[in-house]
Amino acid sequence: MQLSTPEPWDRPVSQEARQQSKITAARRAIDVALQTRFLWISREKREAIFSCEDLDHLQHLLIRILTVDTVDELFPEPG
């Protein structure tokens, strides 16, 4: 009798891995939404998105993309 190895989807996934997958998906969704809505985004703003680890903040940005008139409104200057 030959034992089969479990398929990748049969293996248990840690909460941390699930959270990271959600963060990655949110970053990709934001990137697509920004490119679709504004056609271009600066390297600095793109890096701010792709370095963000806060899923709630990323989800907030994704929703805000639908309501802002410019990319700069998503990233207000500190002050």
PDB file of N, CA and C in Angstrom:
ATOM      1  N   MET A   1       0.840  -1.175   0.000  1.00  0.00           N
ATOM      2  CA  MET A   1       0.000   0.000   0.000  1.00  0.00           C
ATOM      3  C   MET A   1       0.887   1.241   0.000  1.00  0.00           C
ATOM      4  N   GLN A   2       0.636   2.127  -0.911  1.00  0.00           N
ATOM      5  CA  GLN A   2       1.439   3.337  -1.034  1.00  0.00           C
ATOM      6  C   GLN A   2       0.701   4.500  -0.377  1.00  0.00           C
ATOM      7  N   LEU A   3       1.427   5.212   0.480  1.00  0.00           N
ATOM      8  CA  LEU A   3       0.855   6.397   1.116  1.00  0.00           C
ATOM      9  C   LEU A   3       1.027   7.585   0.195  1.00  0.00           C
ATOM     10  N   SER A   4      -0.016   8.330   0.044  1.00  0.00           N
ATOM     11  CA  SER A   4       0.092   9.511  -0.804  1.00  0.00           C
ATOM     12  C   SER A   4       0.428  10.725   0.057  1.00  0.00           C
ATOM     13  N   THR A   5       1.131  11.636  -0.550  1.00  0.00           N
ATOM     14  CA  THR A   5       1.429  12.875   0.167  1.00  0.00           C
ATOM     15  C   THR A   5       0.223  13.791   0.044  1.00  0.00           C
ATOM     16  N   PRO A   6      -0.058  14.544   1.076  1.00  0.00           N
ATOM     17  CA  PRO A   6      -1.222  15.419   1.003  1.00  0.00           C
ATOM     18  C   PRO A   6      -1.020  16.526  -0.021  1.00  0.00           C
ATOM     19  N   GLU A   7      -2.093  16.893  -0.656  1.00  0.00           N
ATOM     20  CA  GLU A   7      -2.071  18.011  -1.582  1.00  0.00           C
ATOM     21  C   GLU A   7      -1.892  19.294  -0.780  1.00  0.00           C
ATOM     22  N   PRO A   8      -1.384  20.356  -1.402  1.00  0.00           N
ATOM     23  CA  PRO A   8      -1.172  21.608  -0.657  1.00  0.00           C
ATOM     24  C   PRO A   8      -2.427  22.102   0.041  1.00  0.00           C
ATOM     25  N   TRP A   9      -3.593  21.904  -0.545  1.00  0.00           N
ATOM     26  CA  TRP A   9      -4.819  22.398   0.068  1.00  0.00           C
ATOM     27  C   TRP A   9      -5.293  21.499   1.218  1.00  0.00           C
ATOM     28  N   ASP A  10      -4.664  20.323   1.371  1.00  0.00           N
ATOM     29  CA  ASP A  10      -5.007  19.428   2.476  1.00  0.00           C
ATOM     30  C   ASP A  10      -4.221  19.743   3.740  1.00  0.00           C
ATOM     31  N   ARG A  11      -3.177  20.531   3.609  1.00  0.00           N
ATOM     32  CA  ARG A  11      -2.328  20.823   4.763  1.00  0.00           C
ATOM     33  C   ARG A  11      -2.936  21.947   5.588  1.00  0.00           C
ATOM     34  N   PRO A  12      -2.786  21.848   6.893  1.00  0.00           N
ATOM     35  CA  PRO A  12      -3.297  22.936   7.733  1.00  0.00           C
ATOM     36  C   PRO A  12      -2.504  24.226   7.479  1.00  0.00           C
ATOM     37  N   VAL A  13      -3.207  25.338   7.540  1.00  0.00           N
ATOM     38  CA  VAL A  13      -2.589  26.637   7.300  1.00  0.00           C
ATOM     39  C   VAL A  13      -2.661  27.430   8.600  1.00  0.00           C
ATOM     40  N   SER A  14      -1.552  28.029   8.965  1.00  0.00           N
ATOM     41  CA  SER A  14      -1.518  28.802  10.201  1.00  0.00           C
ATOM     42  C   SER A  14      -2.303  30.101  10.058  1.00  0.00           C
ATOM     43  N   GLN A  15      -2.728  30.643  11.166  1.00  0.00           N
ATOM     44  CA  GLN A  15      -3.413  31.928  11.176  1.00  0.00           C
ATOM     45  C   GLN A  15      -2.518  33.009  10.587  1.00  0.00           C
ATOM     46  N   GLU A  16      -1.239  32.951  10.906  1.00  0.00           N
ATOM     47  CA  GLU A  16      -0.286  33.939  10.393  1.00  0.00           C
ATOM     48  C   GLU A  16      -0.206  33.875   8.864  1.00  0.00           C
ATOM     49  N   ALA A  17      -0.184  32.659   8.320  1.00  0.00           N
ATOM     50  CA  ALA A  17      -0.126  32.498   6.865  1.00  0.00           C
ATOM     51  C   ALA A  17      -1.408  33.004   6.213  1.00  0.00           C
ATOM     52  N   ARG A  18      -2.541  32.746   6.840  1.00  0.00           N
ATOM     53  CA  ARG A  18      -3.812  33.252   6.311  1.00  0.00           C
ATOM     54  C   ARG A  18      -3.837  34.772   6.324  1.00  0.00           C
ATOM     55  N   GLN A  19      -3.379  35.347   7.434  1.00  0.00           N
ATOM     56  CA  GLN A  19      -3.348  36.802   7.553  1.00  0.00           C
ATOM     57  C   GLN A  19      -2.437  37.408   6.480  1.00  0.00           C
ATOM     58  N   GLN A  20      -1.278  36.795   6.268  1.00  0.00           N
ATOM     59  CA  GLN A  20      -0.350  37.299   5.264  1.00  0.00           C
ATOM     60  C   GLN A  20      -0.944  37.184   3.864  1.00  0.00           C
ATOM     61  N   SER A  21      -1.689  36.125   3.606  1.00  0.00           N
ATOM     62  CA  SER A  21      -2.354  35.976   2.306  1.00  0.00           C
ATOM     63  C   SER A  21      -3.386  37.075   2.089  1.00  0.00           C
ATOM     64  N   LYS A  22      -4.116  37.423   3.139  1.00  0.00           N
ATOM     65  CA  LYS A  22      -5.113  38.492   3.042  1.00  0.00           C
ATOM     66  C   LYS A  22      -4.433  39.833   2.784  1.00  0.00           C
ATOM     67  N   ILE A  23      -3.320  40.072   3.453  1.00  0.00           N
ATOM     68  CA  ILE A  23      -2.572  41.317   3.265  1.00  0.00           C
ATOM     69  C   ILE A  23      -2.055  41.402   1.829  1.00  0.00           C
ATOM     70  N   THR A  24      -1.503  40.319   1.331  1.00  0.00           N
ATOM     71  CA  THR A  24      -1.003  40.287  -0.046  1.00  0.00           C
ATOM     72  C   THR A  24      -2.134  40.538  -1.040  1.00  0.00           C
ATOM     73  N   ALA A  25      -3.271  39.915  -0.826  1.00  0.00           N
ATOM     74  CA  ALA A  25      -4.418  40.109  -1.719  1.00  0.00           C
ATOM     75  C   ALA A  25      -4.901  41.557  -1.675  1.00  0.00           C
ATOM     76  N   ALA A  26      -4.937  42.153  -0.493  1.00  0.00           N
ATOM     77  CA  ALA A  26      -5.369  43.547  -0.368  1.00  0.00           C
ATOM     78  C   ALA A  26      -4.396  44.475  -1.092  1.00  0.00           C
ATOM     79  N   ARG A  27      -3.104  44.236  -0.947  1.00  0.00           N
ATOM     80  CA  ARG A  27      -2.113  45.055  -1.655  1.00  0.00           C
ATOM     81  C   ARG A  27      -2.305  44.971  -3.160  1.00  0.00           C
ATOM     82  N   ARG A  28      -2.511  43.774  -3.665  1.00  0.00           N
ATOM     83  CA  ARG A  28      -2.709  43.595  -5.107  1.00  0.00           C
ATOM     84  C   ARG A  28      -3.984  44.282  -5.575  1.00  0.00           C
ATOM     85  N   ALA A  29      -5.044  44.168  -4.795  1.00  0.00           N
ATOM     86  CA  ALA A  29      -6.309  44.811  -5.153  1.00  0.00           C
ATOM     87  C   ALA A  29      -6.148  46.331  -5.195  1.00  0.00           C
ATOM     88  N   ILE A  30      -5.434  46.873  -4.227  1.00  0.00           N
ATOM     89  CA  ILE A  30      -5.189  48.314  -4.199  1.00  0.00           C
ATOM     90  C   ILE A  30      -4.383  48.737  -5.412  1.00  0.00           C
ATOM     91  N   ASP A  31      -3.359  47.978  -5.736  1.00  0.00           N
ATOM     92  CA  ASP A  31      -2.520  48.306  -6.883  1.00  0.00           C
ATOM     93  C   ASP A  31      -3.345  48.317  -8.173  1.00  0.00           C
ATOM     94  N   VAL A  32      -4.165  47.308  -8.374  1.00  0.00           N
ATOM     95  CA  VAL A  32      -5.012  47.240  -9.572  1.00  0.00           C
ATOM     96  C   VAL A  32      -6.014  48.397  -9.579  1.00  0.00           C
ATOM     97  N   ALA A  33      -6.644  48.660  -8.444  1.00  0.00           N
ATOM     98  CA  ALA A  33      -7.630  49.740  -8.363  1.00  0.00           C
ATOM     99  C   ALA A  33      -6.984  51.090  -8.660  1.00  0.00           C
ATOM    100  N   LEU A  34      -5.799  51.325  -8.099  1.00  0.00           N
ATOM    101  CA  LEU A  34      -5.114  52.596  -8.342  1.00  0.00           C
ATOM    102  C   LEU A  34      -4.723  52.743  -9.812  1.00  0.00           C
ATOM    103  N   GLN A  35      -4.203  51.687 -10.397  1.00  0.00           N
ATOM    104  CA  GLN A  35      -3.815  51.753 -11.803  1.00  0.00           C
ATOM    105  C   GLN A  35      -5.036  51.950 -12.701  1.00  0.00           C
ATOM    106  N   THR A  36      -6.141  51.331 -12.341  1.00  0.00           N
ATOM    107  CA  THR A  36      -7.360  51.461 -13.131  1.00  0.00           C
ATOM    108  C   THR A  36      -7.950  52.859 -12.993  1.00  0.00           C
ATOM    109  N   ARG A  37      -7.967  53.358 -11.790  1.00  0.00           N
ATOM    110  CA  ARG A  37      -8.622  54.646 -11.530  1.00  0.00           C
ATOM    111  C   ARG A  37      -7.747  55.833 -11.892  1.00  0.00           C
ATOM    112  N   PHE A  38      -6.445  55.751 -11.593  1.00  0.00           N
ATOM    113  CA  PHE A  38      -5.567  56.911 -11.753  1.00  0.00           C
ATOM    114  C   PHE A  38      -4.453  56.705 -12.777  1.00  0.00           C
ATOM    115  N   LEU A  39      -4.325  55.514 -13.316  1.00  0.00           N
ATOM    116  CA  LEU A  39      -3.354  55.159 -14.355  1.00  0.00           C
ATOM    117  C   LEU A  39      -1.901  55.161 -13.891  1.00  0.00           C
ATOM    118  N   TRP A  40      -1.548  55.981 -12.935  1.00  0.00           N
ATOM    119  CA  TRP A  40      -0.159  56.066 -12.506  1.00  0.00           C
ATOM    120  C   TRP A  40      -0.119  56.389 -11.018  1.00  0.00           C
ATOM    121  N   ILE A  41       0.878  55.843 -10.338  1.00  0.00           N
ATOM    122  CA  ILE A  41       1.085  56.130  -8.917  1.00  0.00           C
ATOM    123  C   ILE A  41       2.592  56.191  -8.694  1.00  0.00           C
ATOM    124  N   SER A  42       3.010  57.118  -7.870  1.00  0.00           N
ATOM    125  CA  SER A  42       4.447  57.293  -7.648  1.00  0.00           C
ATOM    126  C   SER A  42       5.047  56.078  -6.943  1.00  0.00           C
ATOM    127  N   ARG A  43       6.336  55.931  -7.116  1.00  0.00           N
ATOM    128  CA  ARG A  43       7.056  54.832  -6.469  1.00  0.00           C
ATOM    129  C   ARG A  43       6.912  54.908  -4.947  1.00  0.00           C
ATOM    130  N   GLU A  44       6.983  56.112  -4.388  1.00  0.00           N
ATOM    131  CA  GLU A  44       6.889  56.283  -2.935  1.00  0.00           C
ATOM    132  C   GLU A  44       5.535  55.819  -2.402  1.00  0.00           C
ATOM    133  N   LYS A  45       4.481  56.173  -3.120  1.00  0.00           N
ATOM    134  CA  LYS A  45       3.145  55.776  -2.678  1.00  0.00           C
ATOM    135  C   LYS A  45       2.940  54.269  -2.844  1.00  0.00           C
ATOM    136  N   ARG A  46       3.452  53.721  -3.926  1.00  0.00           N
ATOM    137  CA  ARG A  46       3.366  52.264  -4.132  1.00  0.00           C
ATOM    138  C   ARG A  46       4.147  51.526  -3.041  1.00  0.00           C
ATOM    139  N   GLU A  47       5.309  52.031  -2.680  1.00  0.00           N
ATOM    140  CA  GLU A  47       6.098  51.408  -1.609  1.00  0.00           C
ATOM    141  C   GLU A  47       5.369  51.503  -0.269  1.00  0.00           C
ATOM    142  N   ALA A  48       4.662  52.610  -0.036  1.00  0.00           N
ATOM    143  CA  ALA A  48       3.892  52.750   1.208  1.00  0.00           C
ATOM    144  C   ALA A  48       2.814  51.670   1.289  1.00  0.00           C
ATOM    145  N   ILE A  49       2.205  51.371   0.173  1.00  0.00           N
ATOM    146  CA  ILE A  49       1.176  50.327   0.145  1.00  0.00           C
ATOM    147  C   ILE A  49       1.796  48.957   0.361  1.00  0.00           C
ATOM    148  N   PHE A  50       2.856  48.666  -0.380  1.00  0.00           N
ATOM    149  CA  PHE A  50       3.435  47.330  -0.319  1.00  0.00           C
ATOM    150  C   PHE A  50       4.271  47.067   0.928  1.00  0.00           C
ATOM    151  N   SER A  51       4.516  48.088   1.734  1.00  0.00           N
ATOM    152  CA  SER A  51       5.207  47.861   3.002  1.00  0.00           C
ATOM    153  C   SER A  51       4.228  47.828   4.174  1.00  0.00           C
ATOM    154  N   CYS A  52       2.963  48.140   3.914  1.00  0.00           N
ATOM    155  CA  CYS A  52       1.953  48.168   4.976  1.00  0.00           C
ATOM    156  C   CYS A  52       1.585  46.741   5.391  1.00  0.00           C
ATOM    157  N   GLU A  53       1.589  46.493   6.681  1.00  0.00           N
ATOM    158  CA  GLU A  53       1.231  45.182   7.221  1.00  0.00           C
ATOM    159  C   GLU A  53      -0.112  45.213   7.953  1.00  0.00           C
ATOM    160  N   ASP A  54      -0.791  46.343   7.938  1.00  0.00           N
ATOM    161  CA  ASP A  54      -2.049  46.524   8.663  1.00  0.00           C
ATOM    162  C   ASP A  54      -3.219  46.264   7.717  1.00  0.00           C
ATOM    163  N   LEU A  55      -3.850  45.106   7.858  1.00  0.00           N
ATOM    164  CA  LEU A  55      -4.939  44.723   6.964  1.00  0.00           C
ATOM    165  C   LEU A  55      -6.101  45.705   7.053  1.00  0.00           C
ATOM    166  N   ASP A  56      -6.437  46.175   8.230  1.00  0.00           N
ATOM    167  CA  ASP A  56      -7.533  47.139   8.367  1.00  0.00           C
ATOM    168  C   ASP A  56      -7.241  48.419   7.580  1.00  0.00           C
ATOM    169  N   HIS A  57      -6.002  48.888   7.668  1.00  0.00           N
ATOM    170  CA  HIS A  57      -5.623  50.099   6.935  1.00  0.00           C
ATOM    171  C   HIS A  57      -5.683  49.862   5.421  1.00  0.00           C
ATOM    172  N   LEU A  58      -5.218  48.718   4.979  1.00  0.00           N
ATOM    173  CA  LEU A  58      -5.259  48.397   3.555  1.00  0.00           C
ATOM    174  C   LEU A  58      -6.706  48.328   3.065  1.00  0.00           C
ATOM    175  N   GLN A  59      -7.586  47.730   3.847  1.00  0.00           N
ATOM    176  CA  GLN A  59      -8.992  47.656   3.462  1.00  0.00           C
ATOM    177  C   GLN A  59      -9.600  49.057   3.417  1.00  0.00           C
ATOM    178  N   HIS A  60      -9.215  49.898   4.354  1.00  0.00           N
ATOM    179  CA  HIS A  60      -9.685  51.283   4.368  1.00  0.00           C
ATOM    180  C   HIS A  60      -9.220  52.015   3.097  1.00  0.00           C
ATOM    181  N   LEU A  61      -7.952  51.835   2.728  1.00  0.00           N
ATOM    182  CA  LEU A  61      -7.445  52.455   1.499  1.00  0.00           C
ATOM    183  C   LEU A  61      -8.212  51.982   0.270  1.00  0.00           C
ATOM    184  N   LEU A  62      -8.495  50.698   0.220  1.00  0.00           N
ATOM    185  CA  LEU A  62      -9.210  50.148  -0.932  1.00  0.00           C
ATOM    186  C   LEU A  62     -10.592  50.782  -1.067  1.00  0.00           C
ATOM    187  N   ILE A  63     -11.275  50.971   0.014  1.00  0.00           N
ATOM    188  CA  ILE A  63     -12.586  51.623  -0.016  1.00  0.00           C
ATOM    189  C   ILE A  63     -12.437  53.091  -0.397  1.00  0.00           C
ATOM    190  N   ARG A  64     -11.443  53.760   0.157  1.00  0.00           N
ATOM    191  CA  ARG A  64     -11.234  55.187  -0.122  1.00  0.00           C
ATOM    192  C   ARG A  64     -10.898  55.443  -1.587  1.00  0.00           C
ATOM    193  N   ILE A  65     -10.259  54.507  -2.251  1.00  0.00           N
ATOM    194  CA  ILE A  65      -9.934  54.674  -3.664  1.00  0.00           C
ATOM    195  C   ILE A  65     -11.198  54.969  -4.474  1.00  0.00           C
ATOM    196  N   LEU A  66     -12.307  54.435  -4.036  1.00  0.00           N
ATOM    197  CA  LEU A  66     -13.568  54.633  -4.752  1.00  0.00           C
ATOM    198  C   LEU A  66     -14.127  56.042  -4.589  1.00  0.00           C
ATOM    199  N   THR A  67     -13.672  56.764  -3.566  1.00  0.00           N
ATOM    200  CA  THR A  67     -14.294  58.055  -3.263  1.00  0.00           C
ATOM    201  C   THR A  67     -13.387  59.263  -3.447  1.00  0.00           C
ATOM    202  N   VAL A  68     -12.090  59.068  -3.528  1.00  0.00           N
ATOM    203  CA  VAL A  68     -11.185  60.209  -3.656  1.00  0.00           C
ATOM    204  C   VAL A  68     -11.066  60.645  -5.109  1.00  0.00           C
ATOM    205  N   ASP A  69     -10.691  61.913  -5.285  1.00  0.00           N
ATOM    206  CA  ASP A  69     -10.506  62.445  -6.633  1.00  0.00           C
ATOM    207  C   ASP A  69      -9.058  62.336  -7.114  1.00  0.00           C
ATOM    208  N   THR A  70      -8.114  62.255  -6.162  1.00  0.00           N
ATOM    209  CA  THR A  70      -6.694  62.155  -6.515  1.00  0.00           C
ATOM    210  C   THR A  70      -6.005  61.155  -5.605  1.00  0.00           C
ATOM    211  N   VAL A  71      -4.888  60.635  -6.066  1.00  0.00           N
ATOM    212  CA  VAL A  71      -4.089  59.715  -5.248  1.00  0.00           C
ATOM    213  C   VAL A  71      -3.591  60.427  -3.988  1.00  0.00           C
ATOM    214  N   ASP A  72      -3.288  61.719  -4.128  1.00  0.00           N
ATOM    215  CA  ASP A  72      -2.776  62.471  -2.978  1.00  0.00           C
ATOM    216  C   ASP A  72      -3.762  62.506  -1.817  1.00  0.00           C
ATOM    217  N   GLU A  73      -5.052  62.409  -2.105  1.00  0.00           N
ATOM    218  CA  GLU A  73      -6.044  62.374  -1.029  1.00  0.00           C
ATOM    219  C   GLU A  73      -5.940  61.107  -0.190  1.00  0.00           C
ATOM    220  N   LEU A  74      -5.409  60.040  -0.780  1.00  0.00           N
ATOM    221  CA  LEU A  74      -5.203  58.804  -0.018  1.00  0.00           C
ATOM    222  C   LEU A  74      -4.036  58.931   0.950  1.00  0.00           C
ATOM    223  N   PHE A  75      -3.073  59.741   0.583  1.00  0.00           N
ATOM    224  CA  PHE A  75      -1.838  59.890   1.354  1.00  0.00           C
ATOM    225  C   PHE A  75      -1.625  61.360   1.703  1.00  0.00           C
ATOM    226  N   PRO A  76      -2.408  61.886   2.633  1.00  0.00           N
ATOM    227  CA  PRO A  76      -2.243  63.307   2.972  1.00  0.00           C
ATOM    228  C   PRO A  76      -0.861  63.570   3.564  1.00  0.00           C
ATOM    229  N   GLU A  77      -0.361  64.741   3.278  1.00  0.00           N
ATOM    230  CA  GLU A  77       0.942  65.146   3.831  1.00  0.00           C
ATOM    231  C   GLU A  77       0.827  65.312   5.338  1.00  0.00           C
ATOM    232  N   PRO A  78       1.818  64.823   6.078  1.00  0.00           N
ATOM    233  CA  PRO A  78       1.775  65.000   7.535  1.00  0.00           C
ATOM    234  C   PRO A  78       1.862  66.480   7.888  1.00  0.00           C
ATOM    235  N   GLY A  79       1.215  66.840   8.961  1.00  0.00           N
ATOM    236  CA  GLY A  79       1.313  68.226   9.384  1.00  0.00           C
ATOM    237  C   GLY A  79       0.068  68.673   9.927  1.00  0.00           C
TER     238      GLY A  79
END
